[in-house]
PDB file of N, CA and C in Angstrom:
ATOM      1  N   MET A   1       0.797  -1.191   0.000  1.00  0.00           N
ATOM      2  CA  MET A   1       0.000   0.000   0.000  1.00  0.00           C
ATOM      3  C   MET A   1       0.846   1.264   0.000  1.00  0.00           C
ATOM      4  N   ALA A   2       1.982   1.147   0.531  1.00  0.00           N
ATOM      5  CA  ALA A   2       2.850   2.310   0.570  1.00  0.00           C
ATOM      6  C   ALA A   2       3.171   2.771  -0.836  1.00  0.00           C
ATOM      7  N   THR A   3       3.232   1.875  -1.754  1.00  0.00           N
ATOM      8  CA  THR A   3       3.572   2.229  -3.119  1.00  0.00           C
ATOM      9  C   THR A   3       2.444   3.016  -3.770  1.00  0.00           C
ATOM     10  N   ILE A   4       1.215   2.649  -3.527  1.00  0.00           N
ATOM     11  CA  ILE A   4       0.087   3.382  -4.100  1.00  0.00           C
ATOM     12  C   ILE A   4       0.010   4.761  -3.456  1.00  0.00           C
ATOM     13  N   ALA A   5       0.232   4.825  -2.174  1.00  0.00           N
ATOM     14  CA  ALA A   5       0.213   6.112  -1.478  1.00  0.00           C
ATOM     15  C   ALA A   5       1.327   7.007  -2.003  1.00  0.00           C
ATOM     16  N   GLU A   6       2.492   6.412  -2.193  1.00  0.00           N
ATOM     17  CA  GLU A   6       3.610   7.192  -2.738  1.00  0.00           C
ATOM     18  C   GLU A   6       3.278   7.671  -4.145  1.00  0.00           C
ATOM     19  N   ALA A   7       2.676   6.796  -4.951  1.00  0.00           N
ATOM     20  CA  ALA A   7       2.321   7.161  -6.316  1.00  0.00           C
ATOM     21  C   ALA A   7       1.291   8.292  -6.301  1.00  0.00           C
ATOM     22  N   ILE A   8       0.320   8.194  -5.401  1.00  0.00           N
ATOM     23  CA  ILE A   8      -0.697   9.250  -5.293  1.00  0.00           C
ATOM     24  C   ILE A   8      -0.046  10.560  -4.864  1.00  0.00           C
ATOM     25  N   MET A   9       0.909  10.491  -3.944  1.00  0.00           N
ATOM     26  CA  MET A   9       1.605  11.702  -3.483  1.00  0.00           C
ATOM     27  C   MET A   9       2.438  12.307  -4.620  1.00  0.00           C
ATOM     28  N   VAL A  10       3.070  11.456  -5.405  1.00  0.00           N
ATOM     29  CA  VAL A  10       3.869  11.946  -6.533  1.00  0.00           C
ATOM     30  C   VAL A  10       2.951  12.603  -7.560  1.00  0.00           C
ATOM     31  N   ILE A  11       1.808  11.956  -7.813  1.00  0.00           N
ATOM     32  CA  ILE A  11       0.845  12.532  -8.755  1.00  0.00           C
ATOM     33  C   ILE A  11       0.327  13.865  -8.223  1.00  0.00           C
ATOM     34  N   LYS A  12      -0.009  13.894  -6.947  1.00  0.00           N
ATOM     35  CA  LYS A  12      -0.525  15.124  -6.318  1.00  0.00           C
ATOM     36  C   LYS A  12       0.517  16.235  -6.397  1.00  0.00           C
ATOM     37  N   LYS A  13       1.787  15.874  -6.140  1.00  0.00           N
ATOM     38  CA  LYS A  13       2.869  16.868  -6.225  1.00  0.00           C
ATOM     39  C   LYS A  13       3.008  17.351  -7.659  1.00  0.00           C
ATOM     40  N   ALA A  14       2.938  16.462  -8.631  1.00  0.00           N
ATOM     41  CA  ALA A  14       3.041  16.829 -10.044  1.00  0.00           C
ATOM     42  C   ALA A  14       1.885  17.753 -10.431  1.00  0.00           C
ATOM     43  N   GLU A  15       0.678  17.473  -9.929  1.00  0.00           N
ATOM     44  CA  GLU A  15      -0.470  18.340 -10.199  1.00  0.00           C
ATOM     45  C   GLU A  15      -0.244  19.730  -9.608  1.00  0.00           C
ATOM     46  N   ASN A  16       0.247  19.736  -8.364  1.00  0.00           N
ATOM     47  CA  ASN A  16       0.531  21.035  -7.716  1.00  0.00           C
ATOM     48  C   ASN A  16       1.597  21.804  -8.484  1.00  0.00           C
ATOM     49  N   ASP A  17       2.648  21.074  -8.897  1.00  0.00           N
ATOM     50  CA  ASP A  17       3.710  21.715  -9.679  1.00  0.00           C
ATOM     51  C   ASP A  17       3.164  22.245 -11.005  1.00  0.00           C
ATOM     52  N   ALA A  18       2.314  21.464 -11.654  1.00  0.00           N
ATOM     53  CA  ALA A  18       1.722  21.885 -12.924  1.00  0.00           C
ATOM     54  C   ALA A  18       0.833  23.111 -12.714  1.00  0.00           C
ATOM     55  N   ASN A  19       0.031  23.097 -11.652  1.00  0.00           N
ATOM     56  CA  ASN A  19      -0.831  24.248 -11.352  1.00  0.00           C
ATOM     57  C   ASN A  19      -0.008  25.490 -11.057  1.00  0.00           C
ATOM     58  N   ARG A  20       1.082  25.322 -10.316  1.00  0.00           N
ATOM     59  CA  ARG A  20       1.972  26.443 -10.009  1.00  0.00           C
ATOM     60  C   ARG A  20       2.604  26.971 -11.296  1.00  0.00           C
ATOM     61  N   LEU A  21       3.031  26.062 -12.164  1.00  0.00           N
ATOM     62  CA  LEU A  21       3.631  26.447 -13.437  1.00  0.00           C
ATOM     63  C   LEU A  21       2.616  27.207 -14.306  1.00  0.00           C
ATOM     64  N   ILE A  22       1.388  26.707 -14.334  1.00  0.00           N
ATOM     65  CA  ILE A  22       0.328  27.391 -15.086  1.00  0.00           C
ATOM     66  C   ILE A  22       0.098  28.791 -14.516  1.00  0.00           C
ATOM     67  N   GLN A  23       0.014  28.905 -13.192  1.00  0.00           N
ATOM     68  CA  GLN A  23      -0.211  30.205 -12.548  1.00  0.00           C
ATOM     69  C   GLN A  23       0.948  31.149 -12.822  1.00  0.00           C
ATOM     70  N   ASP A  24       2.185  30.631 -12.716  1.00  0.00           N
ATOM     71  CA  ASP A  24       3.357  31.464 -13.007  1.00  0.00           C
ATOM     72  C   ASP A  24       3.329  31.951 -14.457  1.00  0.00           C
ATOM     73  N   SER A  25       2.973  31.057 -15.362  1.00  0.00           N
ATOM     74  CA  SER A  25       2.900  31.428 -16.781  1.00  0.00           C
ATOM     75  C   SER A  25       1.834  32.496 -17.007  1.00  0.00           C
ATOM     76  N   GLU A  26       0.677  32.344 -16.367  1.00  0.00           N
ATOM     77  CA  GLU A  26      -0.382  33.340 -16.494  1.00  0.00           C
ATOM     78  C   GLU A  26       0.051  34.674 -15.916  1.00  0.00           C
ATOM     79  N   ASP A  27       0.741  34.638 -14.769  1.00  0.00           N
ATOM     80  CA  ASP A  27       1.235  35.874 -14.153  1.00  0.00           C
ATOM     81  C   ASP A  27       2.254  36.566 -15.064  1.00  0.00           C
ATOM     82  N   LYS A  28       3.187  35.769 -15.617  1.00  0.00           N
ATOM     83  CA  LYS A  28       4.195  36.348 -16.513  1.00  0.00           C
ATOM     84  C   LYS A  28       3.536  36.911 -17.769  1.00  0.00           C
ATOM     85  N   SER A  29       2.567  36.191 -18.292  1.00  0.00           N
ATOM     86  CA  SER A  29       1.851  36.648 -19.481  1.00  0.00           C
ATOM     87  C   SER A  29       1.144  37.970 -19.189  1.00  0.00           C
ATOM     88  N   SER A  30       0.462  38.049 -18.055  1.00  0.00           N
ATOM     89  CA  SER A  30      -0.225  39.291 -17.674  1.00  0.00           C
ATOM     90  C   SER A  30       0.769  40.429 -17.511  1.00  0.00           C
ATOM     91  N   GLN A  31       1.904  40.145 -16.905  1.00  0.00           N
ATOM     92  CA  GLN A  31       2.930  41.178 -16.708  1.00  0.00           C
ATOM     93  C   GLN A  31       3.497  41.632 -18.050  1.00  0.00           C
ATOM     94  N   MET A  32       3.734  40.693 -18.954  1.00  0.00           N
ATOM     95  CA  MET A  32       4.258  41.052 -20.272  1.00  0.00           C
ATOM     96  C   MET A  32       3.256  41.932 -21.028  1.00  0.00           C
ATOM     97  N   ILE A  33       1.976  41.591 -20.925  1.00  0.00           N
ATOM     98  CA  ILE A  33       0.945  42.390 -21.585  1.00  0.00           C
ATOM     99  C   ILE A  33       0.908  43.794 -20.987  1.00  0.00           C
ATOM    100  N   GLU A  34       0.978  43.881 -19.676  1.00  0.00           N
ATOM    101  CA  GLU A  34       0.973  45.191 -19.008  1.00  0.00           C
ATOM    102  C   GLU A  34       2.208  45.996 -19.387  1.00  0.00           C
ATOM    103  N   ASP A  35       3.366  45.342 -19.423  1.00  0.00           N
ATOM    104  CA  ASP A  35       4.599  46.026 -19.830  1.00  0.00           C
ATOM    105  C   ASP A  35       4.483  46.536 -21.267  1.00  0.00           C
ATOM    106  N   ALA A  36       3.890  45.723 -22.135  1.00  0.00           N
ATOM    107  CA  ALA A  36       3.714  46.135 -23.534  1.00  0.00           C
ATOM    108  C   ALA A  36       2.778  47.338 -23.628  1.00  0.00           C
ATOM    109  N   ARG A  37       1.722  47.346 -22.829  1.00  0.00           N
ATOM    110  CA  ARG A  37       0.804  48.490 -22.823  1.00  0.00           C
ATOM    111  C   ARG A  37       1.518  49.759 -22.374  1.00  0.00           C
ATOM    112  N   VAL A  38       2.285  49.638 -21.304  1.00  0.00           N
ATOM    113  CA  VAL A  38       3.021  50.800 -20.787  1.00  0.00           C
ATOM    114  C   VAL A  38       3.997  51.307 -21.839  1.00  0.00           C
ATOM    115  N   LYS A  39       4.716  50.396 -22.472  1.00  0.00           N
ATOM    116  CA  LYS A  39       5.693  50.775 -23.491  1.00  0.00           C
ATOM    117  C   LYS A  39       4.993  51.444 -24.685  1.00  0.00           C
ATOM    118  N   ALA A  40       3.848  50.891 -25.073  1.00  0.00           N
ATOM    119  CA  ALA A  40       3.092  51.475 -26.189  1.00  0.00           C
ATOM    120  C   ALA A  40       2.642  52.890 -25.847  1.00  0.00           C
ATOM    121  N   LEU A  41       2.167  53.094 -24.618  1.00  0.00           N
ATOM    122  CA  LEU A  41       1.754  54.439 -24.202  1.00  0.00           C
ATOM    123  C   LEU A  41       2.936  55.405 -24.191  1.00  0.00           C
ATOM    124  N   GLU A  42       4.099  54.925 -23.748  1.00  0.00           N
ATOM    125  CA  GLU A  42       5.292  55.769 -23.755  1.00  0.00           C
ATOM    126  C   GLU A  42       5.660  56.159 -25.184  1.00  0.00           C
ATOM    127  N   ILE A  43       5.605  55.189 -26.092  1.00  0.00           N
ATOM    128  CA  ILE A  43       5.938  55.471 -27.490  1.00  0.00           C
ATOM    129  C   ILE A  43       4.960  56.483 -28.061  1.00  0.00           C
ATOM    130  N   ILE A  44       3.679  56.296 -27.787  1.00  0.00           N
ATOM    131  CA  ILE A  44       2.654  57.224 -28.286  1.00  0.00           C
ATOM    132  C   ILE A  44       2.911  58.630 -27.745  1.00  0.00           C
ATOM    133  N   GLU A  45       3.208  58.736 -26.467  1.00  0.00           N
ATOM    134  CA  GLU A  45       3.474  60.053 -25.862  1.00  0.00           C
ATOM    135  C   GLU A  45       4.707  60.697 -26.484  1.00  0.00           C
ATOM    136  N   ASN A  46       5.754  59.904 -26.703  1.00  0.00           N
ATOM    137  CA  ASN A  46       6.977  60.443 -27.307  1.00  0.00           C
ATOM    138  C   ASN A  46       6.716  60.938 -28.723  1.00  0.00           C
ATOM    139  N   VAL A  47       5.983  60.151 -29.492  1.00  0.00           N
ATOM    140  CA  VAL A  47       5.675  60.548 -30.871  1.00  0.00           C
ATOM    141  C   VAL A  47       4.813  61.808 -30.870  1.00  0.00           C
ATOM    142  N   LYS A  48       3.847  61.862 -29.949  1.00  0.00           N
ATOM    143  CA  LYS A  48       2.984  63.040 -29.841  1.00  0.00           C
ATOM    144  C   LYS A  48       3.813  64.289 -29.510  1.00  0.00           C
ATOM    145  N   ARG A  49       4.710  64.136 -28.542  1.00  0.00           N
ATOM    146  CA  ARG A  49       5.560  65.268 -28.133  1.00  0.00           C
ATOM    147  C   ARG A  49       6.456  65.703 -29.293  1.00  0.00           C
ATOM    148  N   GLU A  50       7.040  64.746 -30.011  1.00  0.00           N
ATOM    149  CA  GLU A  50       7.892  65.080 -31.147  1.00  0.00           C
ATOM    150  C   GLU A  50       7.089  65.807 -32.231  1.00  0.00           C
ATOM    151  N   ALA A  51       5.871  65.349 -32.472  1.00  0.00           N
ATOM    152  CA  ALA A  51       5.017  65.992 -33.476  1.00  0.00           C
ATOM    153  C   ALA A  51       4.680  67.417 -33.059  1.00  0.00           C
ATOM    154  N   GLU A  52       4.387  67.616 -31.779  1.00  0.00           N
ATOM    155  CA  GLU A  52       4.088  68.958 -31.281  1.00  0.00           C
ATOM    156  C   GLU A  52       5.304  69.862 -31.404  1.00  0.00           C
ATOM    157  N   ASP A  53       6.477  69.337 -31.064  1.00  0.00           N
ATOM    158  CA  ASP A  53       7.705  70.123 -31.181  1.00  0.00           C
ATOM    159  C   ASP A  53       7.968  70.505 -32.636  1.00  0.00           C
ATOM    160  N   GLU A  54       7.766  69.537 -33.527  1.00  0.00           N
ATOM    161  CA  GLU A  54       7.983  69.802 -34.945  1.00  0.00           C
ATOM    162  C   GLU A  54       6.982  70.837 -35.461  1.00  0.00           C
ATOM    163  N   ALA A  55       5.737  70.724 -35.015  1.00  0.00           N
ATOM    164  CA  ALA A  55       4.714  71.691 -35.426  1.00  0.00           C
ATOM    165  C   ALA A  55       5.078  73.093 -34.936  1.00  0.00           C
ATOM    166  N   GLU A  56       5.540  73.198 -33.694  1.00  0.00           N
ATOM    167  CA  GLU A  56       5.952  74.500 -33.157  1.00  0.00           C
ATOM    168  C   GLU A  56       7.110  75.080 -33.961  1.00  0.00           C
ATOM    169  N   ALA A  57       8.060  74.229 -34.319  1.00  0.00           N
ATOM    170  CA  ALA A  57       9.203  74.697 -35.111  1.00  0.00           C
ATOM    171  C   ALA A  57       8.742  75.186 -36.480  1.00  0.00           C
ATOM    172  N   MET A  58       7.808  74.461 -37.081  1.00  0.00           N
ATOM    173  CA  MET A  58       7.293  74.870 -38.386  1.00  0.00           C
ATOM    174  C   MET A  58       6.551  76.198 -38.281  1.00  0.00           C
ATOM    175  N   ILE A  59       5.773  76.364 -37.232  1.00  0.00           N
ATOM    176  CA  ILE A  59       5.039  77.619 -37.026  1.00  0.00           C
ATOM    177  C   ILE A  59       6.023  78.768 -36.828  1.00  0.00           C
ATOM    178  N   TYR A  60       7.041  78.547 -36.002  1.00  0.00           N
ATOM    179  CA  TYR A  60       8.042  79.591 -35.756  1.00  0.00           C
ATOM    180  C   TYR A  60       8.735  79.973 -37.061  1.00  0.00           C
ATOM    181  N   GLU A  61       9.112  78.972 -37.843  1.00  0.00           N
ATOM    182  CA  GLU A  61       9.796  79.226 -39.106  1.00  0.00           C
ATOM    183  C   GLU A  61       8.878  79.983 -40.075  1.00  0.00           C
ATOM    184  N   SER A  62       7.619  79.577 -40.127  1.00  0.00           N
ATOM    185  CA  SER A  62       6.662  80.261 -41.004  1.00  0.00           C
ATOM    186  C   SER A  62       6.471  81.712 -40.587  1.00  0.00           C
ATOM    187  N   LYS A  63       6.374  81.946 -39.277  1.00  0.00           N
ATOM    188  CA  LYS A  63       6.228  83.323 -38.787  1.00  0.00           C
ATOM    189  C   LYS A  63       7.454  84.157 -39.134  1.00  0.00           C
ATOM    190  N   ALA A  64       8.630  83.567 -38.980  1.00  0.00           N
ATOM    191  CA  ALA A  64       9.864  84.288 -39.286  1.00  0.00           C
ATOM    192  C   ALA A  64       9.908  84.651 -40.772  1.00  0.00           C
ATOM    193  N   LYS A  65       9.536  83.702 -41.626  1.00  0.00           N
ATOM    194  CA  LYS A  65       9.516  83.989 -43.065  1.00  0.00           C
ATOM    195  C   LYS A  65       8.486  85.057 -43.389  1.00  0.00           C
ATOM    196  N   ALA A  66       7.321  84.992 -42.749  1.00  0.00           N
ATOM    197  CA  ALA A  66       6.278  85.987 -42.983  1.00  0.00           C
ATOM    198  C   ALA A  66       6.742  87.373 -42.547  1.00  0.00           C
ATOM    199  N   ARG A  67       7.410  87.449 -41.381  1.00  0.00           N
ATOM    200  CA  ARG A  67       7.933  88.739 -40.917  1.00  0.00           C
ATOM    201  C   ARG A  67       8.955  89.293 -41.910  1.00  0.00           C
ATOM    202  N   GLU A  68       9.835  88.412 -42.388  1.00  0.00           N
ATOM    203  CA  GLU A  68      10.859  88.851 -43.337  1.00  0.00           C
ATOM    204  C   GLU A  68      10.220  89.347 -44.637  1.00  0.00           C
ATOM    205  N   GLU A  69       9.226  88.596 -45.115  1.00  0.00           N
ATOM    206  CA  GLU A  69       8.538  89.002 -46.343  1.00  0.00           C
ATOM    207  C   GLU A  69       7.791  90.328 -46.137  1.00  0.00           C
ATOM    208  N   ALA A  70       7.142  90.466 -44.991  1.00  0.00           N
ATOM    209  CA  ALA A  70       6.438  91.719 -44.691  1.00  0.00           C
ATOM    210  C   ALA A  70       7.419  92.881 -44.638  1.00  0.00           C
ATOM    211  N   MET A  71       8.588  92.650 -44.048  1.00  0.00           N
ATOM    212  CA  MET A  71       9.612  93.703 -43.975  1.00  0.00           C
ATOM    213  C   MET A  71      10.092  94.076 -45.373  1.00  0.00           C
ATOM    214  N   ASN A  72      10.294  93.068 -46.225  1.00  0.00           N
ATOM    215  CA  ASN A  72      10.723  93.348 -47.604  1.00  0.00           C
ATOM    216  C   ASN A  72       9.662  94.147 -48.354  1.00  0.00           C
ATOM    217  N   ILE A  73       8.400  93.769 -48.195  1.00  0.00           N
ATOM    218  CA  ILE A  73       7.308  94.494 -48.856  1.00  0.00           C
ATOM    219  C   ILE A  73       7.241  95.922 -48.337  1.00  0.00           C
ATOM    220  N   SER A  74       7.364  96.092 -47.033  1.00  0.00           N
ATOM    221  CA  SER A  74       7.323  97.423 -46.433  1.00  0.00           C
ATOM    222  C   SER A  74       8.478  98.283 -46.934  1.00  0.00           C
ATOM    223  N   ASN A  75       9.662  97.712 -46.991  1.00  0.00           N
ATOM    224  CA  ASN A  75      10.828  98.458 -47.479  1.00  0.00           C
ATOM    225  C   ASN A  75      10.664  98.851 -48.947  1.00  0.00           C
ATOM    226  N   GLU A  76      10.123  97.925 -49.754  1.00  0.00           N
ATOM    227  CA  GLU A  76       9.885  98.227 -51.170  1.00  0.00           C
ATOM    228  C   GLU A  76       8.848  99.345 -51.301  1.00  0.00           C
ATOM    229  N   ALA A  77       7.803  99.290 -50.489  1.00  0.00           N
ATOM    230  CA  ALA A  77       6.778 100.332 -50.526  1.00  0.00           C
ATOM    231  C   ALA A  77       7.378 101.684 -50.131  1.00  0.00           C
ATOM    232  N   LYS A  78       8.199 101.691 -49.098  1.00  0.00           N
ATOM    233  CA  LYS A  78       8.850 102.947 -48.677  1.00  0.00           C
ATOM    234  C   LYS A  78       9.731 103.493 -49.791  1.00  0.00           C
ATOM    235  N   ARG A  79      10.464 102.613 -50.449  1.00  0.00           N
ATOM    236  CA  ARG A  79      11.344 103.041 -51.546  1.00  0.00           C
ATOM    237  C   ARG A  79      10.529 103.653 -52.676  1.00  0.00           C
ATOM    238  N   ARG A  80       9.410 103.003 -53.020  1.00  0.00           N
ATOM    239  CA  ARG A  80       8.571 103.530 -54.097  1.00  0.00           C
ATOM    240  C   ARG A  80       7.938 104.864 -53.709  1.00  0.00           C
ATOM    241  N   ILE A  81       7.511 104.977 -52.457  1.00  0.00           N
ATOM    242  CA  ILE A  81       6.931 106.242 -51.978  1.00  0.00           C
ATOM    243  C   ILE A  81       7.959 107.360 -52.077  1.00  0.00           C
ATOM    244  N   GLU A  82       9.177 107.073 -51.628  1.00  0.00           N
ATOM    245  CA  GLU A  82      10.237 108.092 -51.693  1.00  0.00           C
ATOM    246  C   GLU A  82      10.531 108.469 -53.142  1.00  0.00           C
ATOM    247  N   ASN A  83      10.507 107.483 -54.026  1.00  0.00           N
ATOM    248  CA  ASN A  83      10.764 107.739 -55.447  1.00  0.00           C
ATOM    249  C   ASN A  83       9.663 108.638 -56.028  1.00  0.00           C
ATOM    250  N   LEU A  84       8.392 108.305 -55.732  1.00  0.00           N
ATOM    251  CA  LEU A  84       7.280 109.135 -56.209  1.00  0.00           C
ATOM    252  C   LEU A  84       7.333 110.529 -55.604  1.00  0.00           C
ATOM    253  N   LYS A  85       7.658 110.604 -54.330  1.00  0.00           N
ATOM    254  CA  LYS A  85       7.751 111.896 -53.649  1.00  0.00           C
ATOM    255  C   LYS A  85       8.845 112.746 -54.285  1.00  0.00           C
ATOM    256  N   SER A  86       9.961 112.117 -54.607  1.00  0.00           N
ATOM    257  CA  SER A  86      11.076 112.840 -55.219  1.00  0.00           C
ATOM    258  C   SER A  86      10.686 113.369 -56.602  1.00  0.00           C
ATOM    259  N   LYS A  87       9.998 112.526 -57.385  1.00  0.00           N
ATOM    260  CA  LYS A  87       9.550 112.966 -58.716  1.00  0.00           C
ATOM    261  C   LYS A  87       8.546 114.114 -58.599  1.00  0.00           C
ATOM    262  N   ALA A  88       7.661 114.007 -57.607  1.00  0.00           N
ATOM    263  CA  ALA A  88       6.674 115.069 -57.405  1.00  0.00           C
ATOM    264  C   ALA A  88       7.354 116.366 -56.990  1.00  0.00           C
ATOM    265  N   MET A  89       8.325 116.283 -56.127  1.00  0.00           N
ATOM    266  CA  MET A  89       9.038 117.478 -55.667  1.00  0.00           C
ATOM    267  C   MET A  89       9.790 118.143 -56.813  1.00  0.00           C
ATOM    268  N   ASP A  90      10.296 117.328 -57.747  1.00  0.00           N
ATOM    269  CA  ASP A  90      11.015 117.886 -58.897  1.00  0.00           C
ATOM    270  C   ASP A  90      10.081 118.712 -59.770  1.00  0.00           C
ATOM    271  N   LYS A  91       8.805 118.396 -59.761  1.00  0.00           N
ATOM    272  CA  LYS A  91       7.856 119.080 -60.648  1.00  0.00           C
ATOM    273  C   LYS A  91       7.097 120.218 -59.963  1.00  0.00           C
ATOM    274  N   ILE A  92       7.329 120.451 -58.677  1.00  0.00           N
ATOM    275  CA  ILE A  92       6.614 121.509 -57.956  1.00  0.00           C
ATOM    276  C   ILE A  92       6.949 122.885 -58.529  1.00  0.00           C
ATOM    277  N   ASP A  93       8.221 123.134 -58.752  1.00  0.00           N
ATOM    278  CA  ASP A  93       8.611 124.457 -59.280  1.00  0.00           C
ATOM    279  C   ASP A  93       7.957 124.713 -60.632  1.00  0.00           C
ATOM    280  N   GLU A  94       7.984 123.703 -61.489  1.00  0.00           N
ATOM    281  CA  GLU A  94       7.384 123.856 -62.821  1.00  0.00           C
ATOM    282  C   GLU A  94       5.871 124.061 -62.701  1.00  0.00           C
ATOM    283  N   ALA A  95       5.232 123.306 -61.795  1.00  0.00           N
ATOM    284  CA  ALA A  95       3.791 123.450 -61.592  1.00  0.00           C
ATOM    285  C   ALA A  95       3.465 124.847 -61.059  1.00  0.00           C
ATOM    286  N   ALA A  96       4.280 125.334 -60.147  1.00  0.00           N
ATOM    287  CA  ALA A  96       4.056 126.681 -59.595  1.00  0.00           C
ATOM    288  C   ALA A  96       4.170 127.727 -60.694  1.00  0.00           C
ATOM    289  N   LYS A  97       5.141 127.599 -61.592  1.00  0.00           N
ATOM    290  CA  LYS A  97       5.321 128.556 -62.696  1.00  0.00           C
ATOM    291  C   LYS A  97       4.094 128.536 -63.610  1.00  0.00           C
ATOM    292  N   VAL A  98       3.578 127.326 -63.899  1.00  0.00           N
ATOM    293  CA  VAL A  98       2.414 127.205 -64.778  1.00  0.00           C
ATOM    294  C   VAL A  98       1.207 127.874 -64.118  1.00  0.00           C
ATOM    295  N   ILE A  99       1.047 127.673 -62.821  1.00  0.00           N
ATOM    296  CA  ILE A  99      -0.089 128.258 -62.090  1.00  0.00           C
ATOM    297  C   ILE A  99       0.030 129.783 -62.096  1.00  0.00           C
ATOM    298  N   ILE A 100       1.207 130.265 -61.838  1.00  0.00           N
ATOM    299  CA  ILE A 100       1.427 131.730 -61.818  1.00  0.00           C
ATOM    300  C   ILE A 100       1.166 132.321 -63.185  1.00  0.00           C
ATOM    301  N   LYS A 101       1.635 131.679 -64.261  1.00  0.00           N
ATOM    302  CA  LYS A 101       1.409 132.184 -65.625  1.00  0.00           C
ATOM    303  C   LYS A 101      -0.088 132.176 -65.929  1.00  0.00           C
ATOM    304  N   THR A 102      -0.789 131.148 -65.460  1.00  0.00           N
ATOM    305  CA  THR A 102      -2.225 131.038 -65.719  1.00  0.00           C
ATOM    306  C   THR A 102      -2.972 132.149 -65.005  1.00  0.00           C
ATOM    307  N   ILE A 103      -2.571 132.446 -63.795  1.00  0.00           N
ATOM    308  CA  ILE A 103      -3.249 133.476 -63.026  1.00  0.00           C
ATOM    309  C   ILE A 103      -2.922 134.863 -63.592  1.00  0.00           C
ATOM    310  N   ILE A 104      -1.736 135.098 -64.010  1.00  0.00           N
ATOM    311  CA  ILE A 104      -1.318 136.422 -64.496  1.00  0.00           C
ATOM    312  C   ILE A 104      -1.731 136.539 -65.907  1.00  0.00           C
TER     313      ILE A 104
END
């Protein structure tokens, strides 16, 4: 009878070992899934942050180009105004003479 009892104990121990192994595997699997979720969230956050940084850089660059273009347009307008003003000033004396001759 000792042999059957020993066999039953060995079987019982093997069942316990198998159950423990199954539980350990399930625990490791759950931990791996949780680790993967955390890693995925970290990757998503990093990509989001990089995209935001890149968008900010693009906006800054666009604003800088717009300011430069506006400055160039303003400078060109000032140059043209000065040119027209200079041409007008050159003709004031002649216009005054014509007006005086017309009145006299």
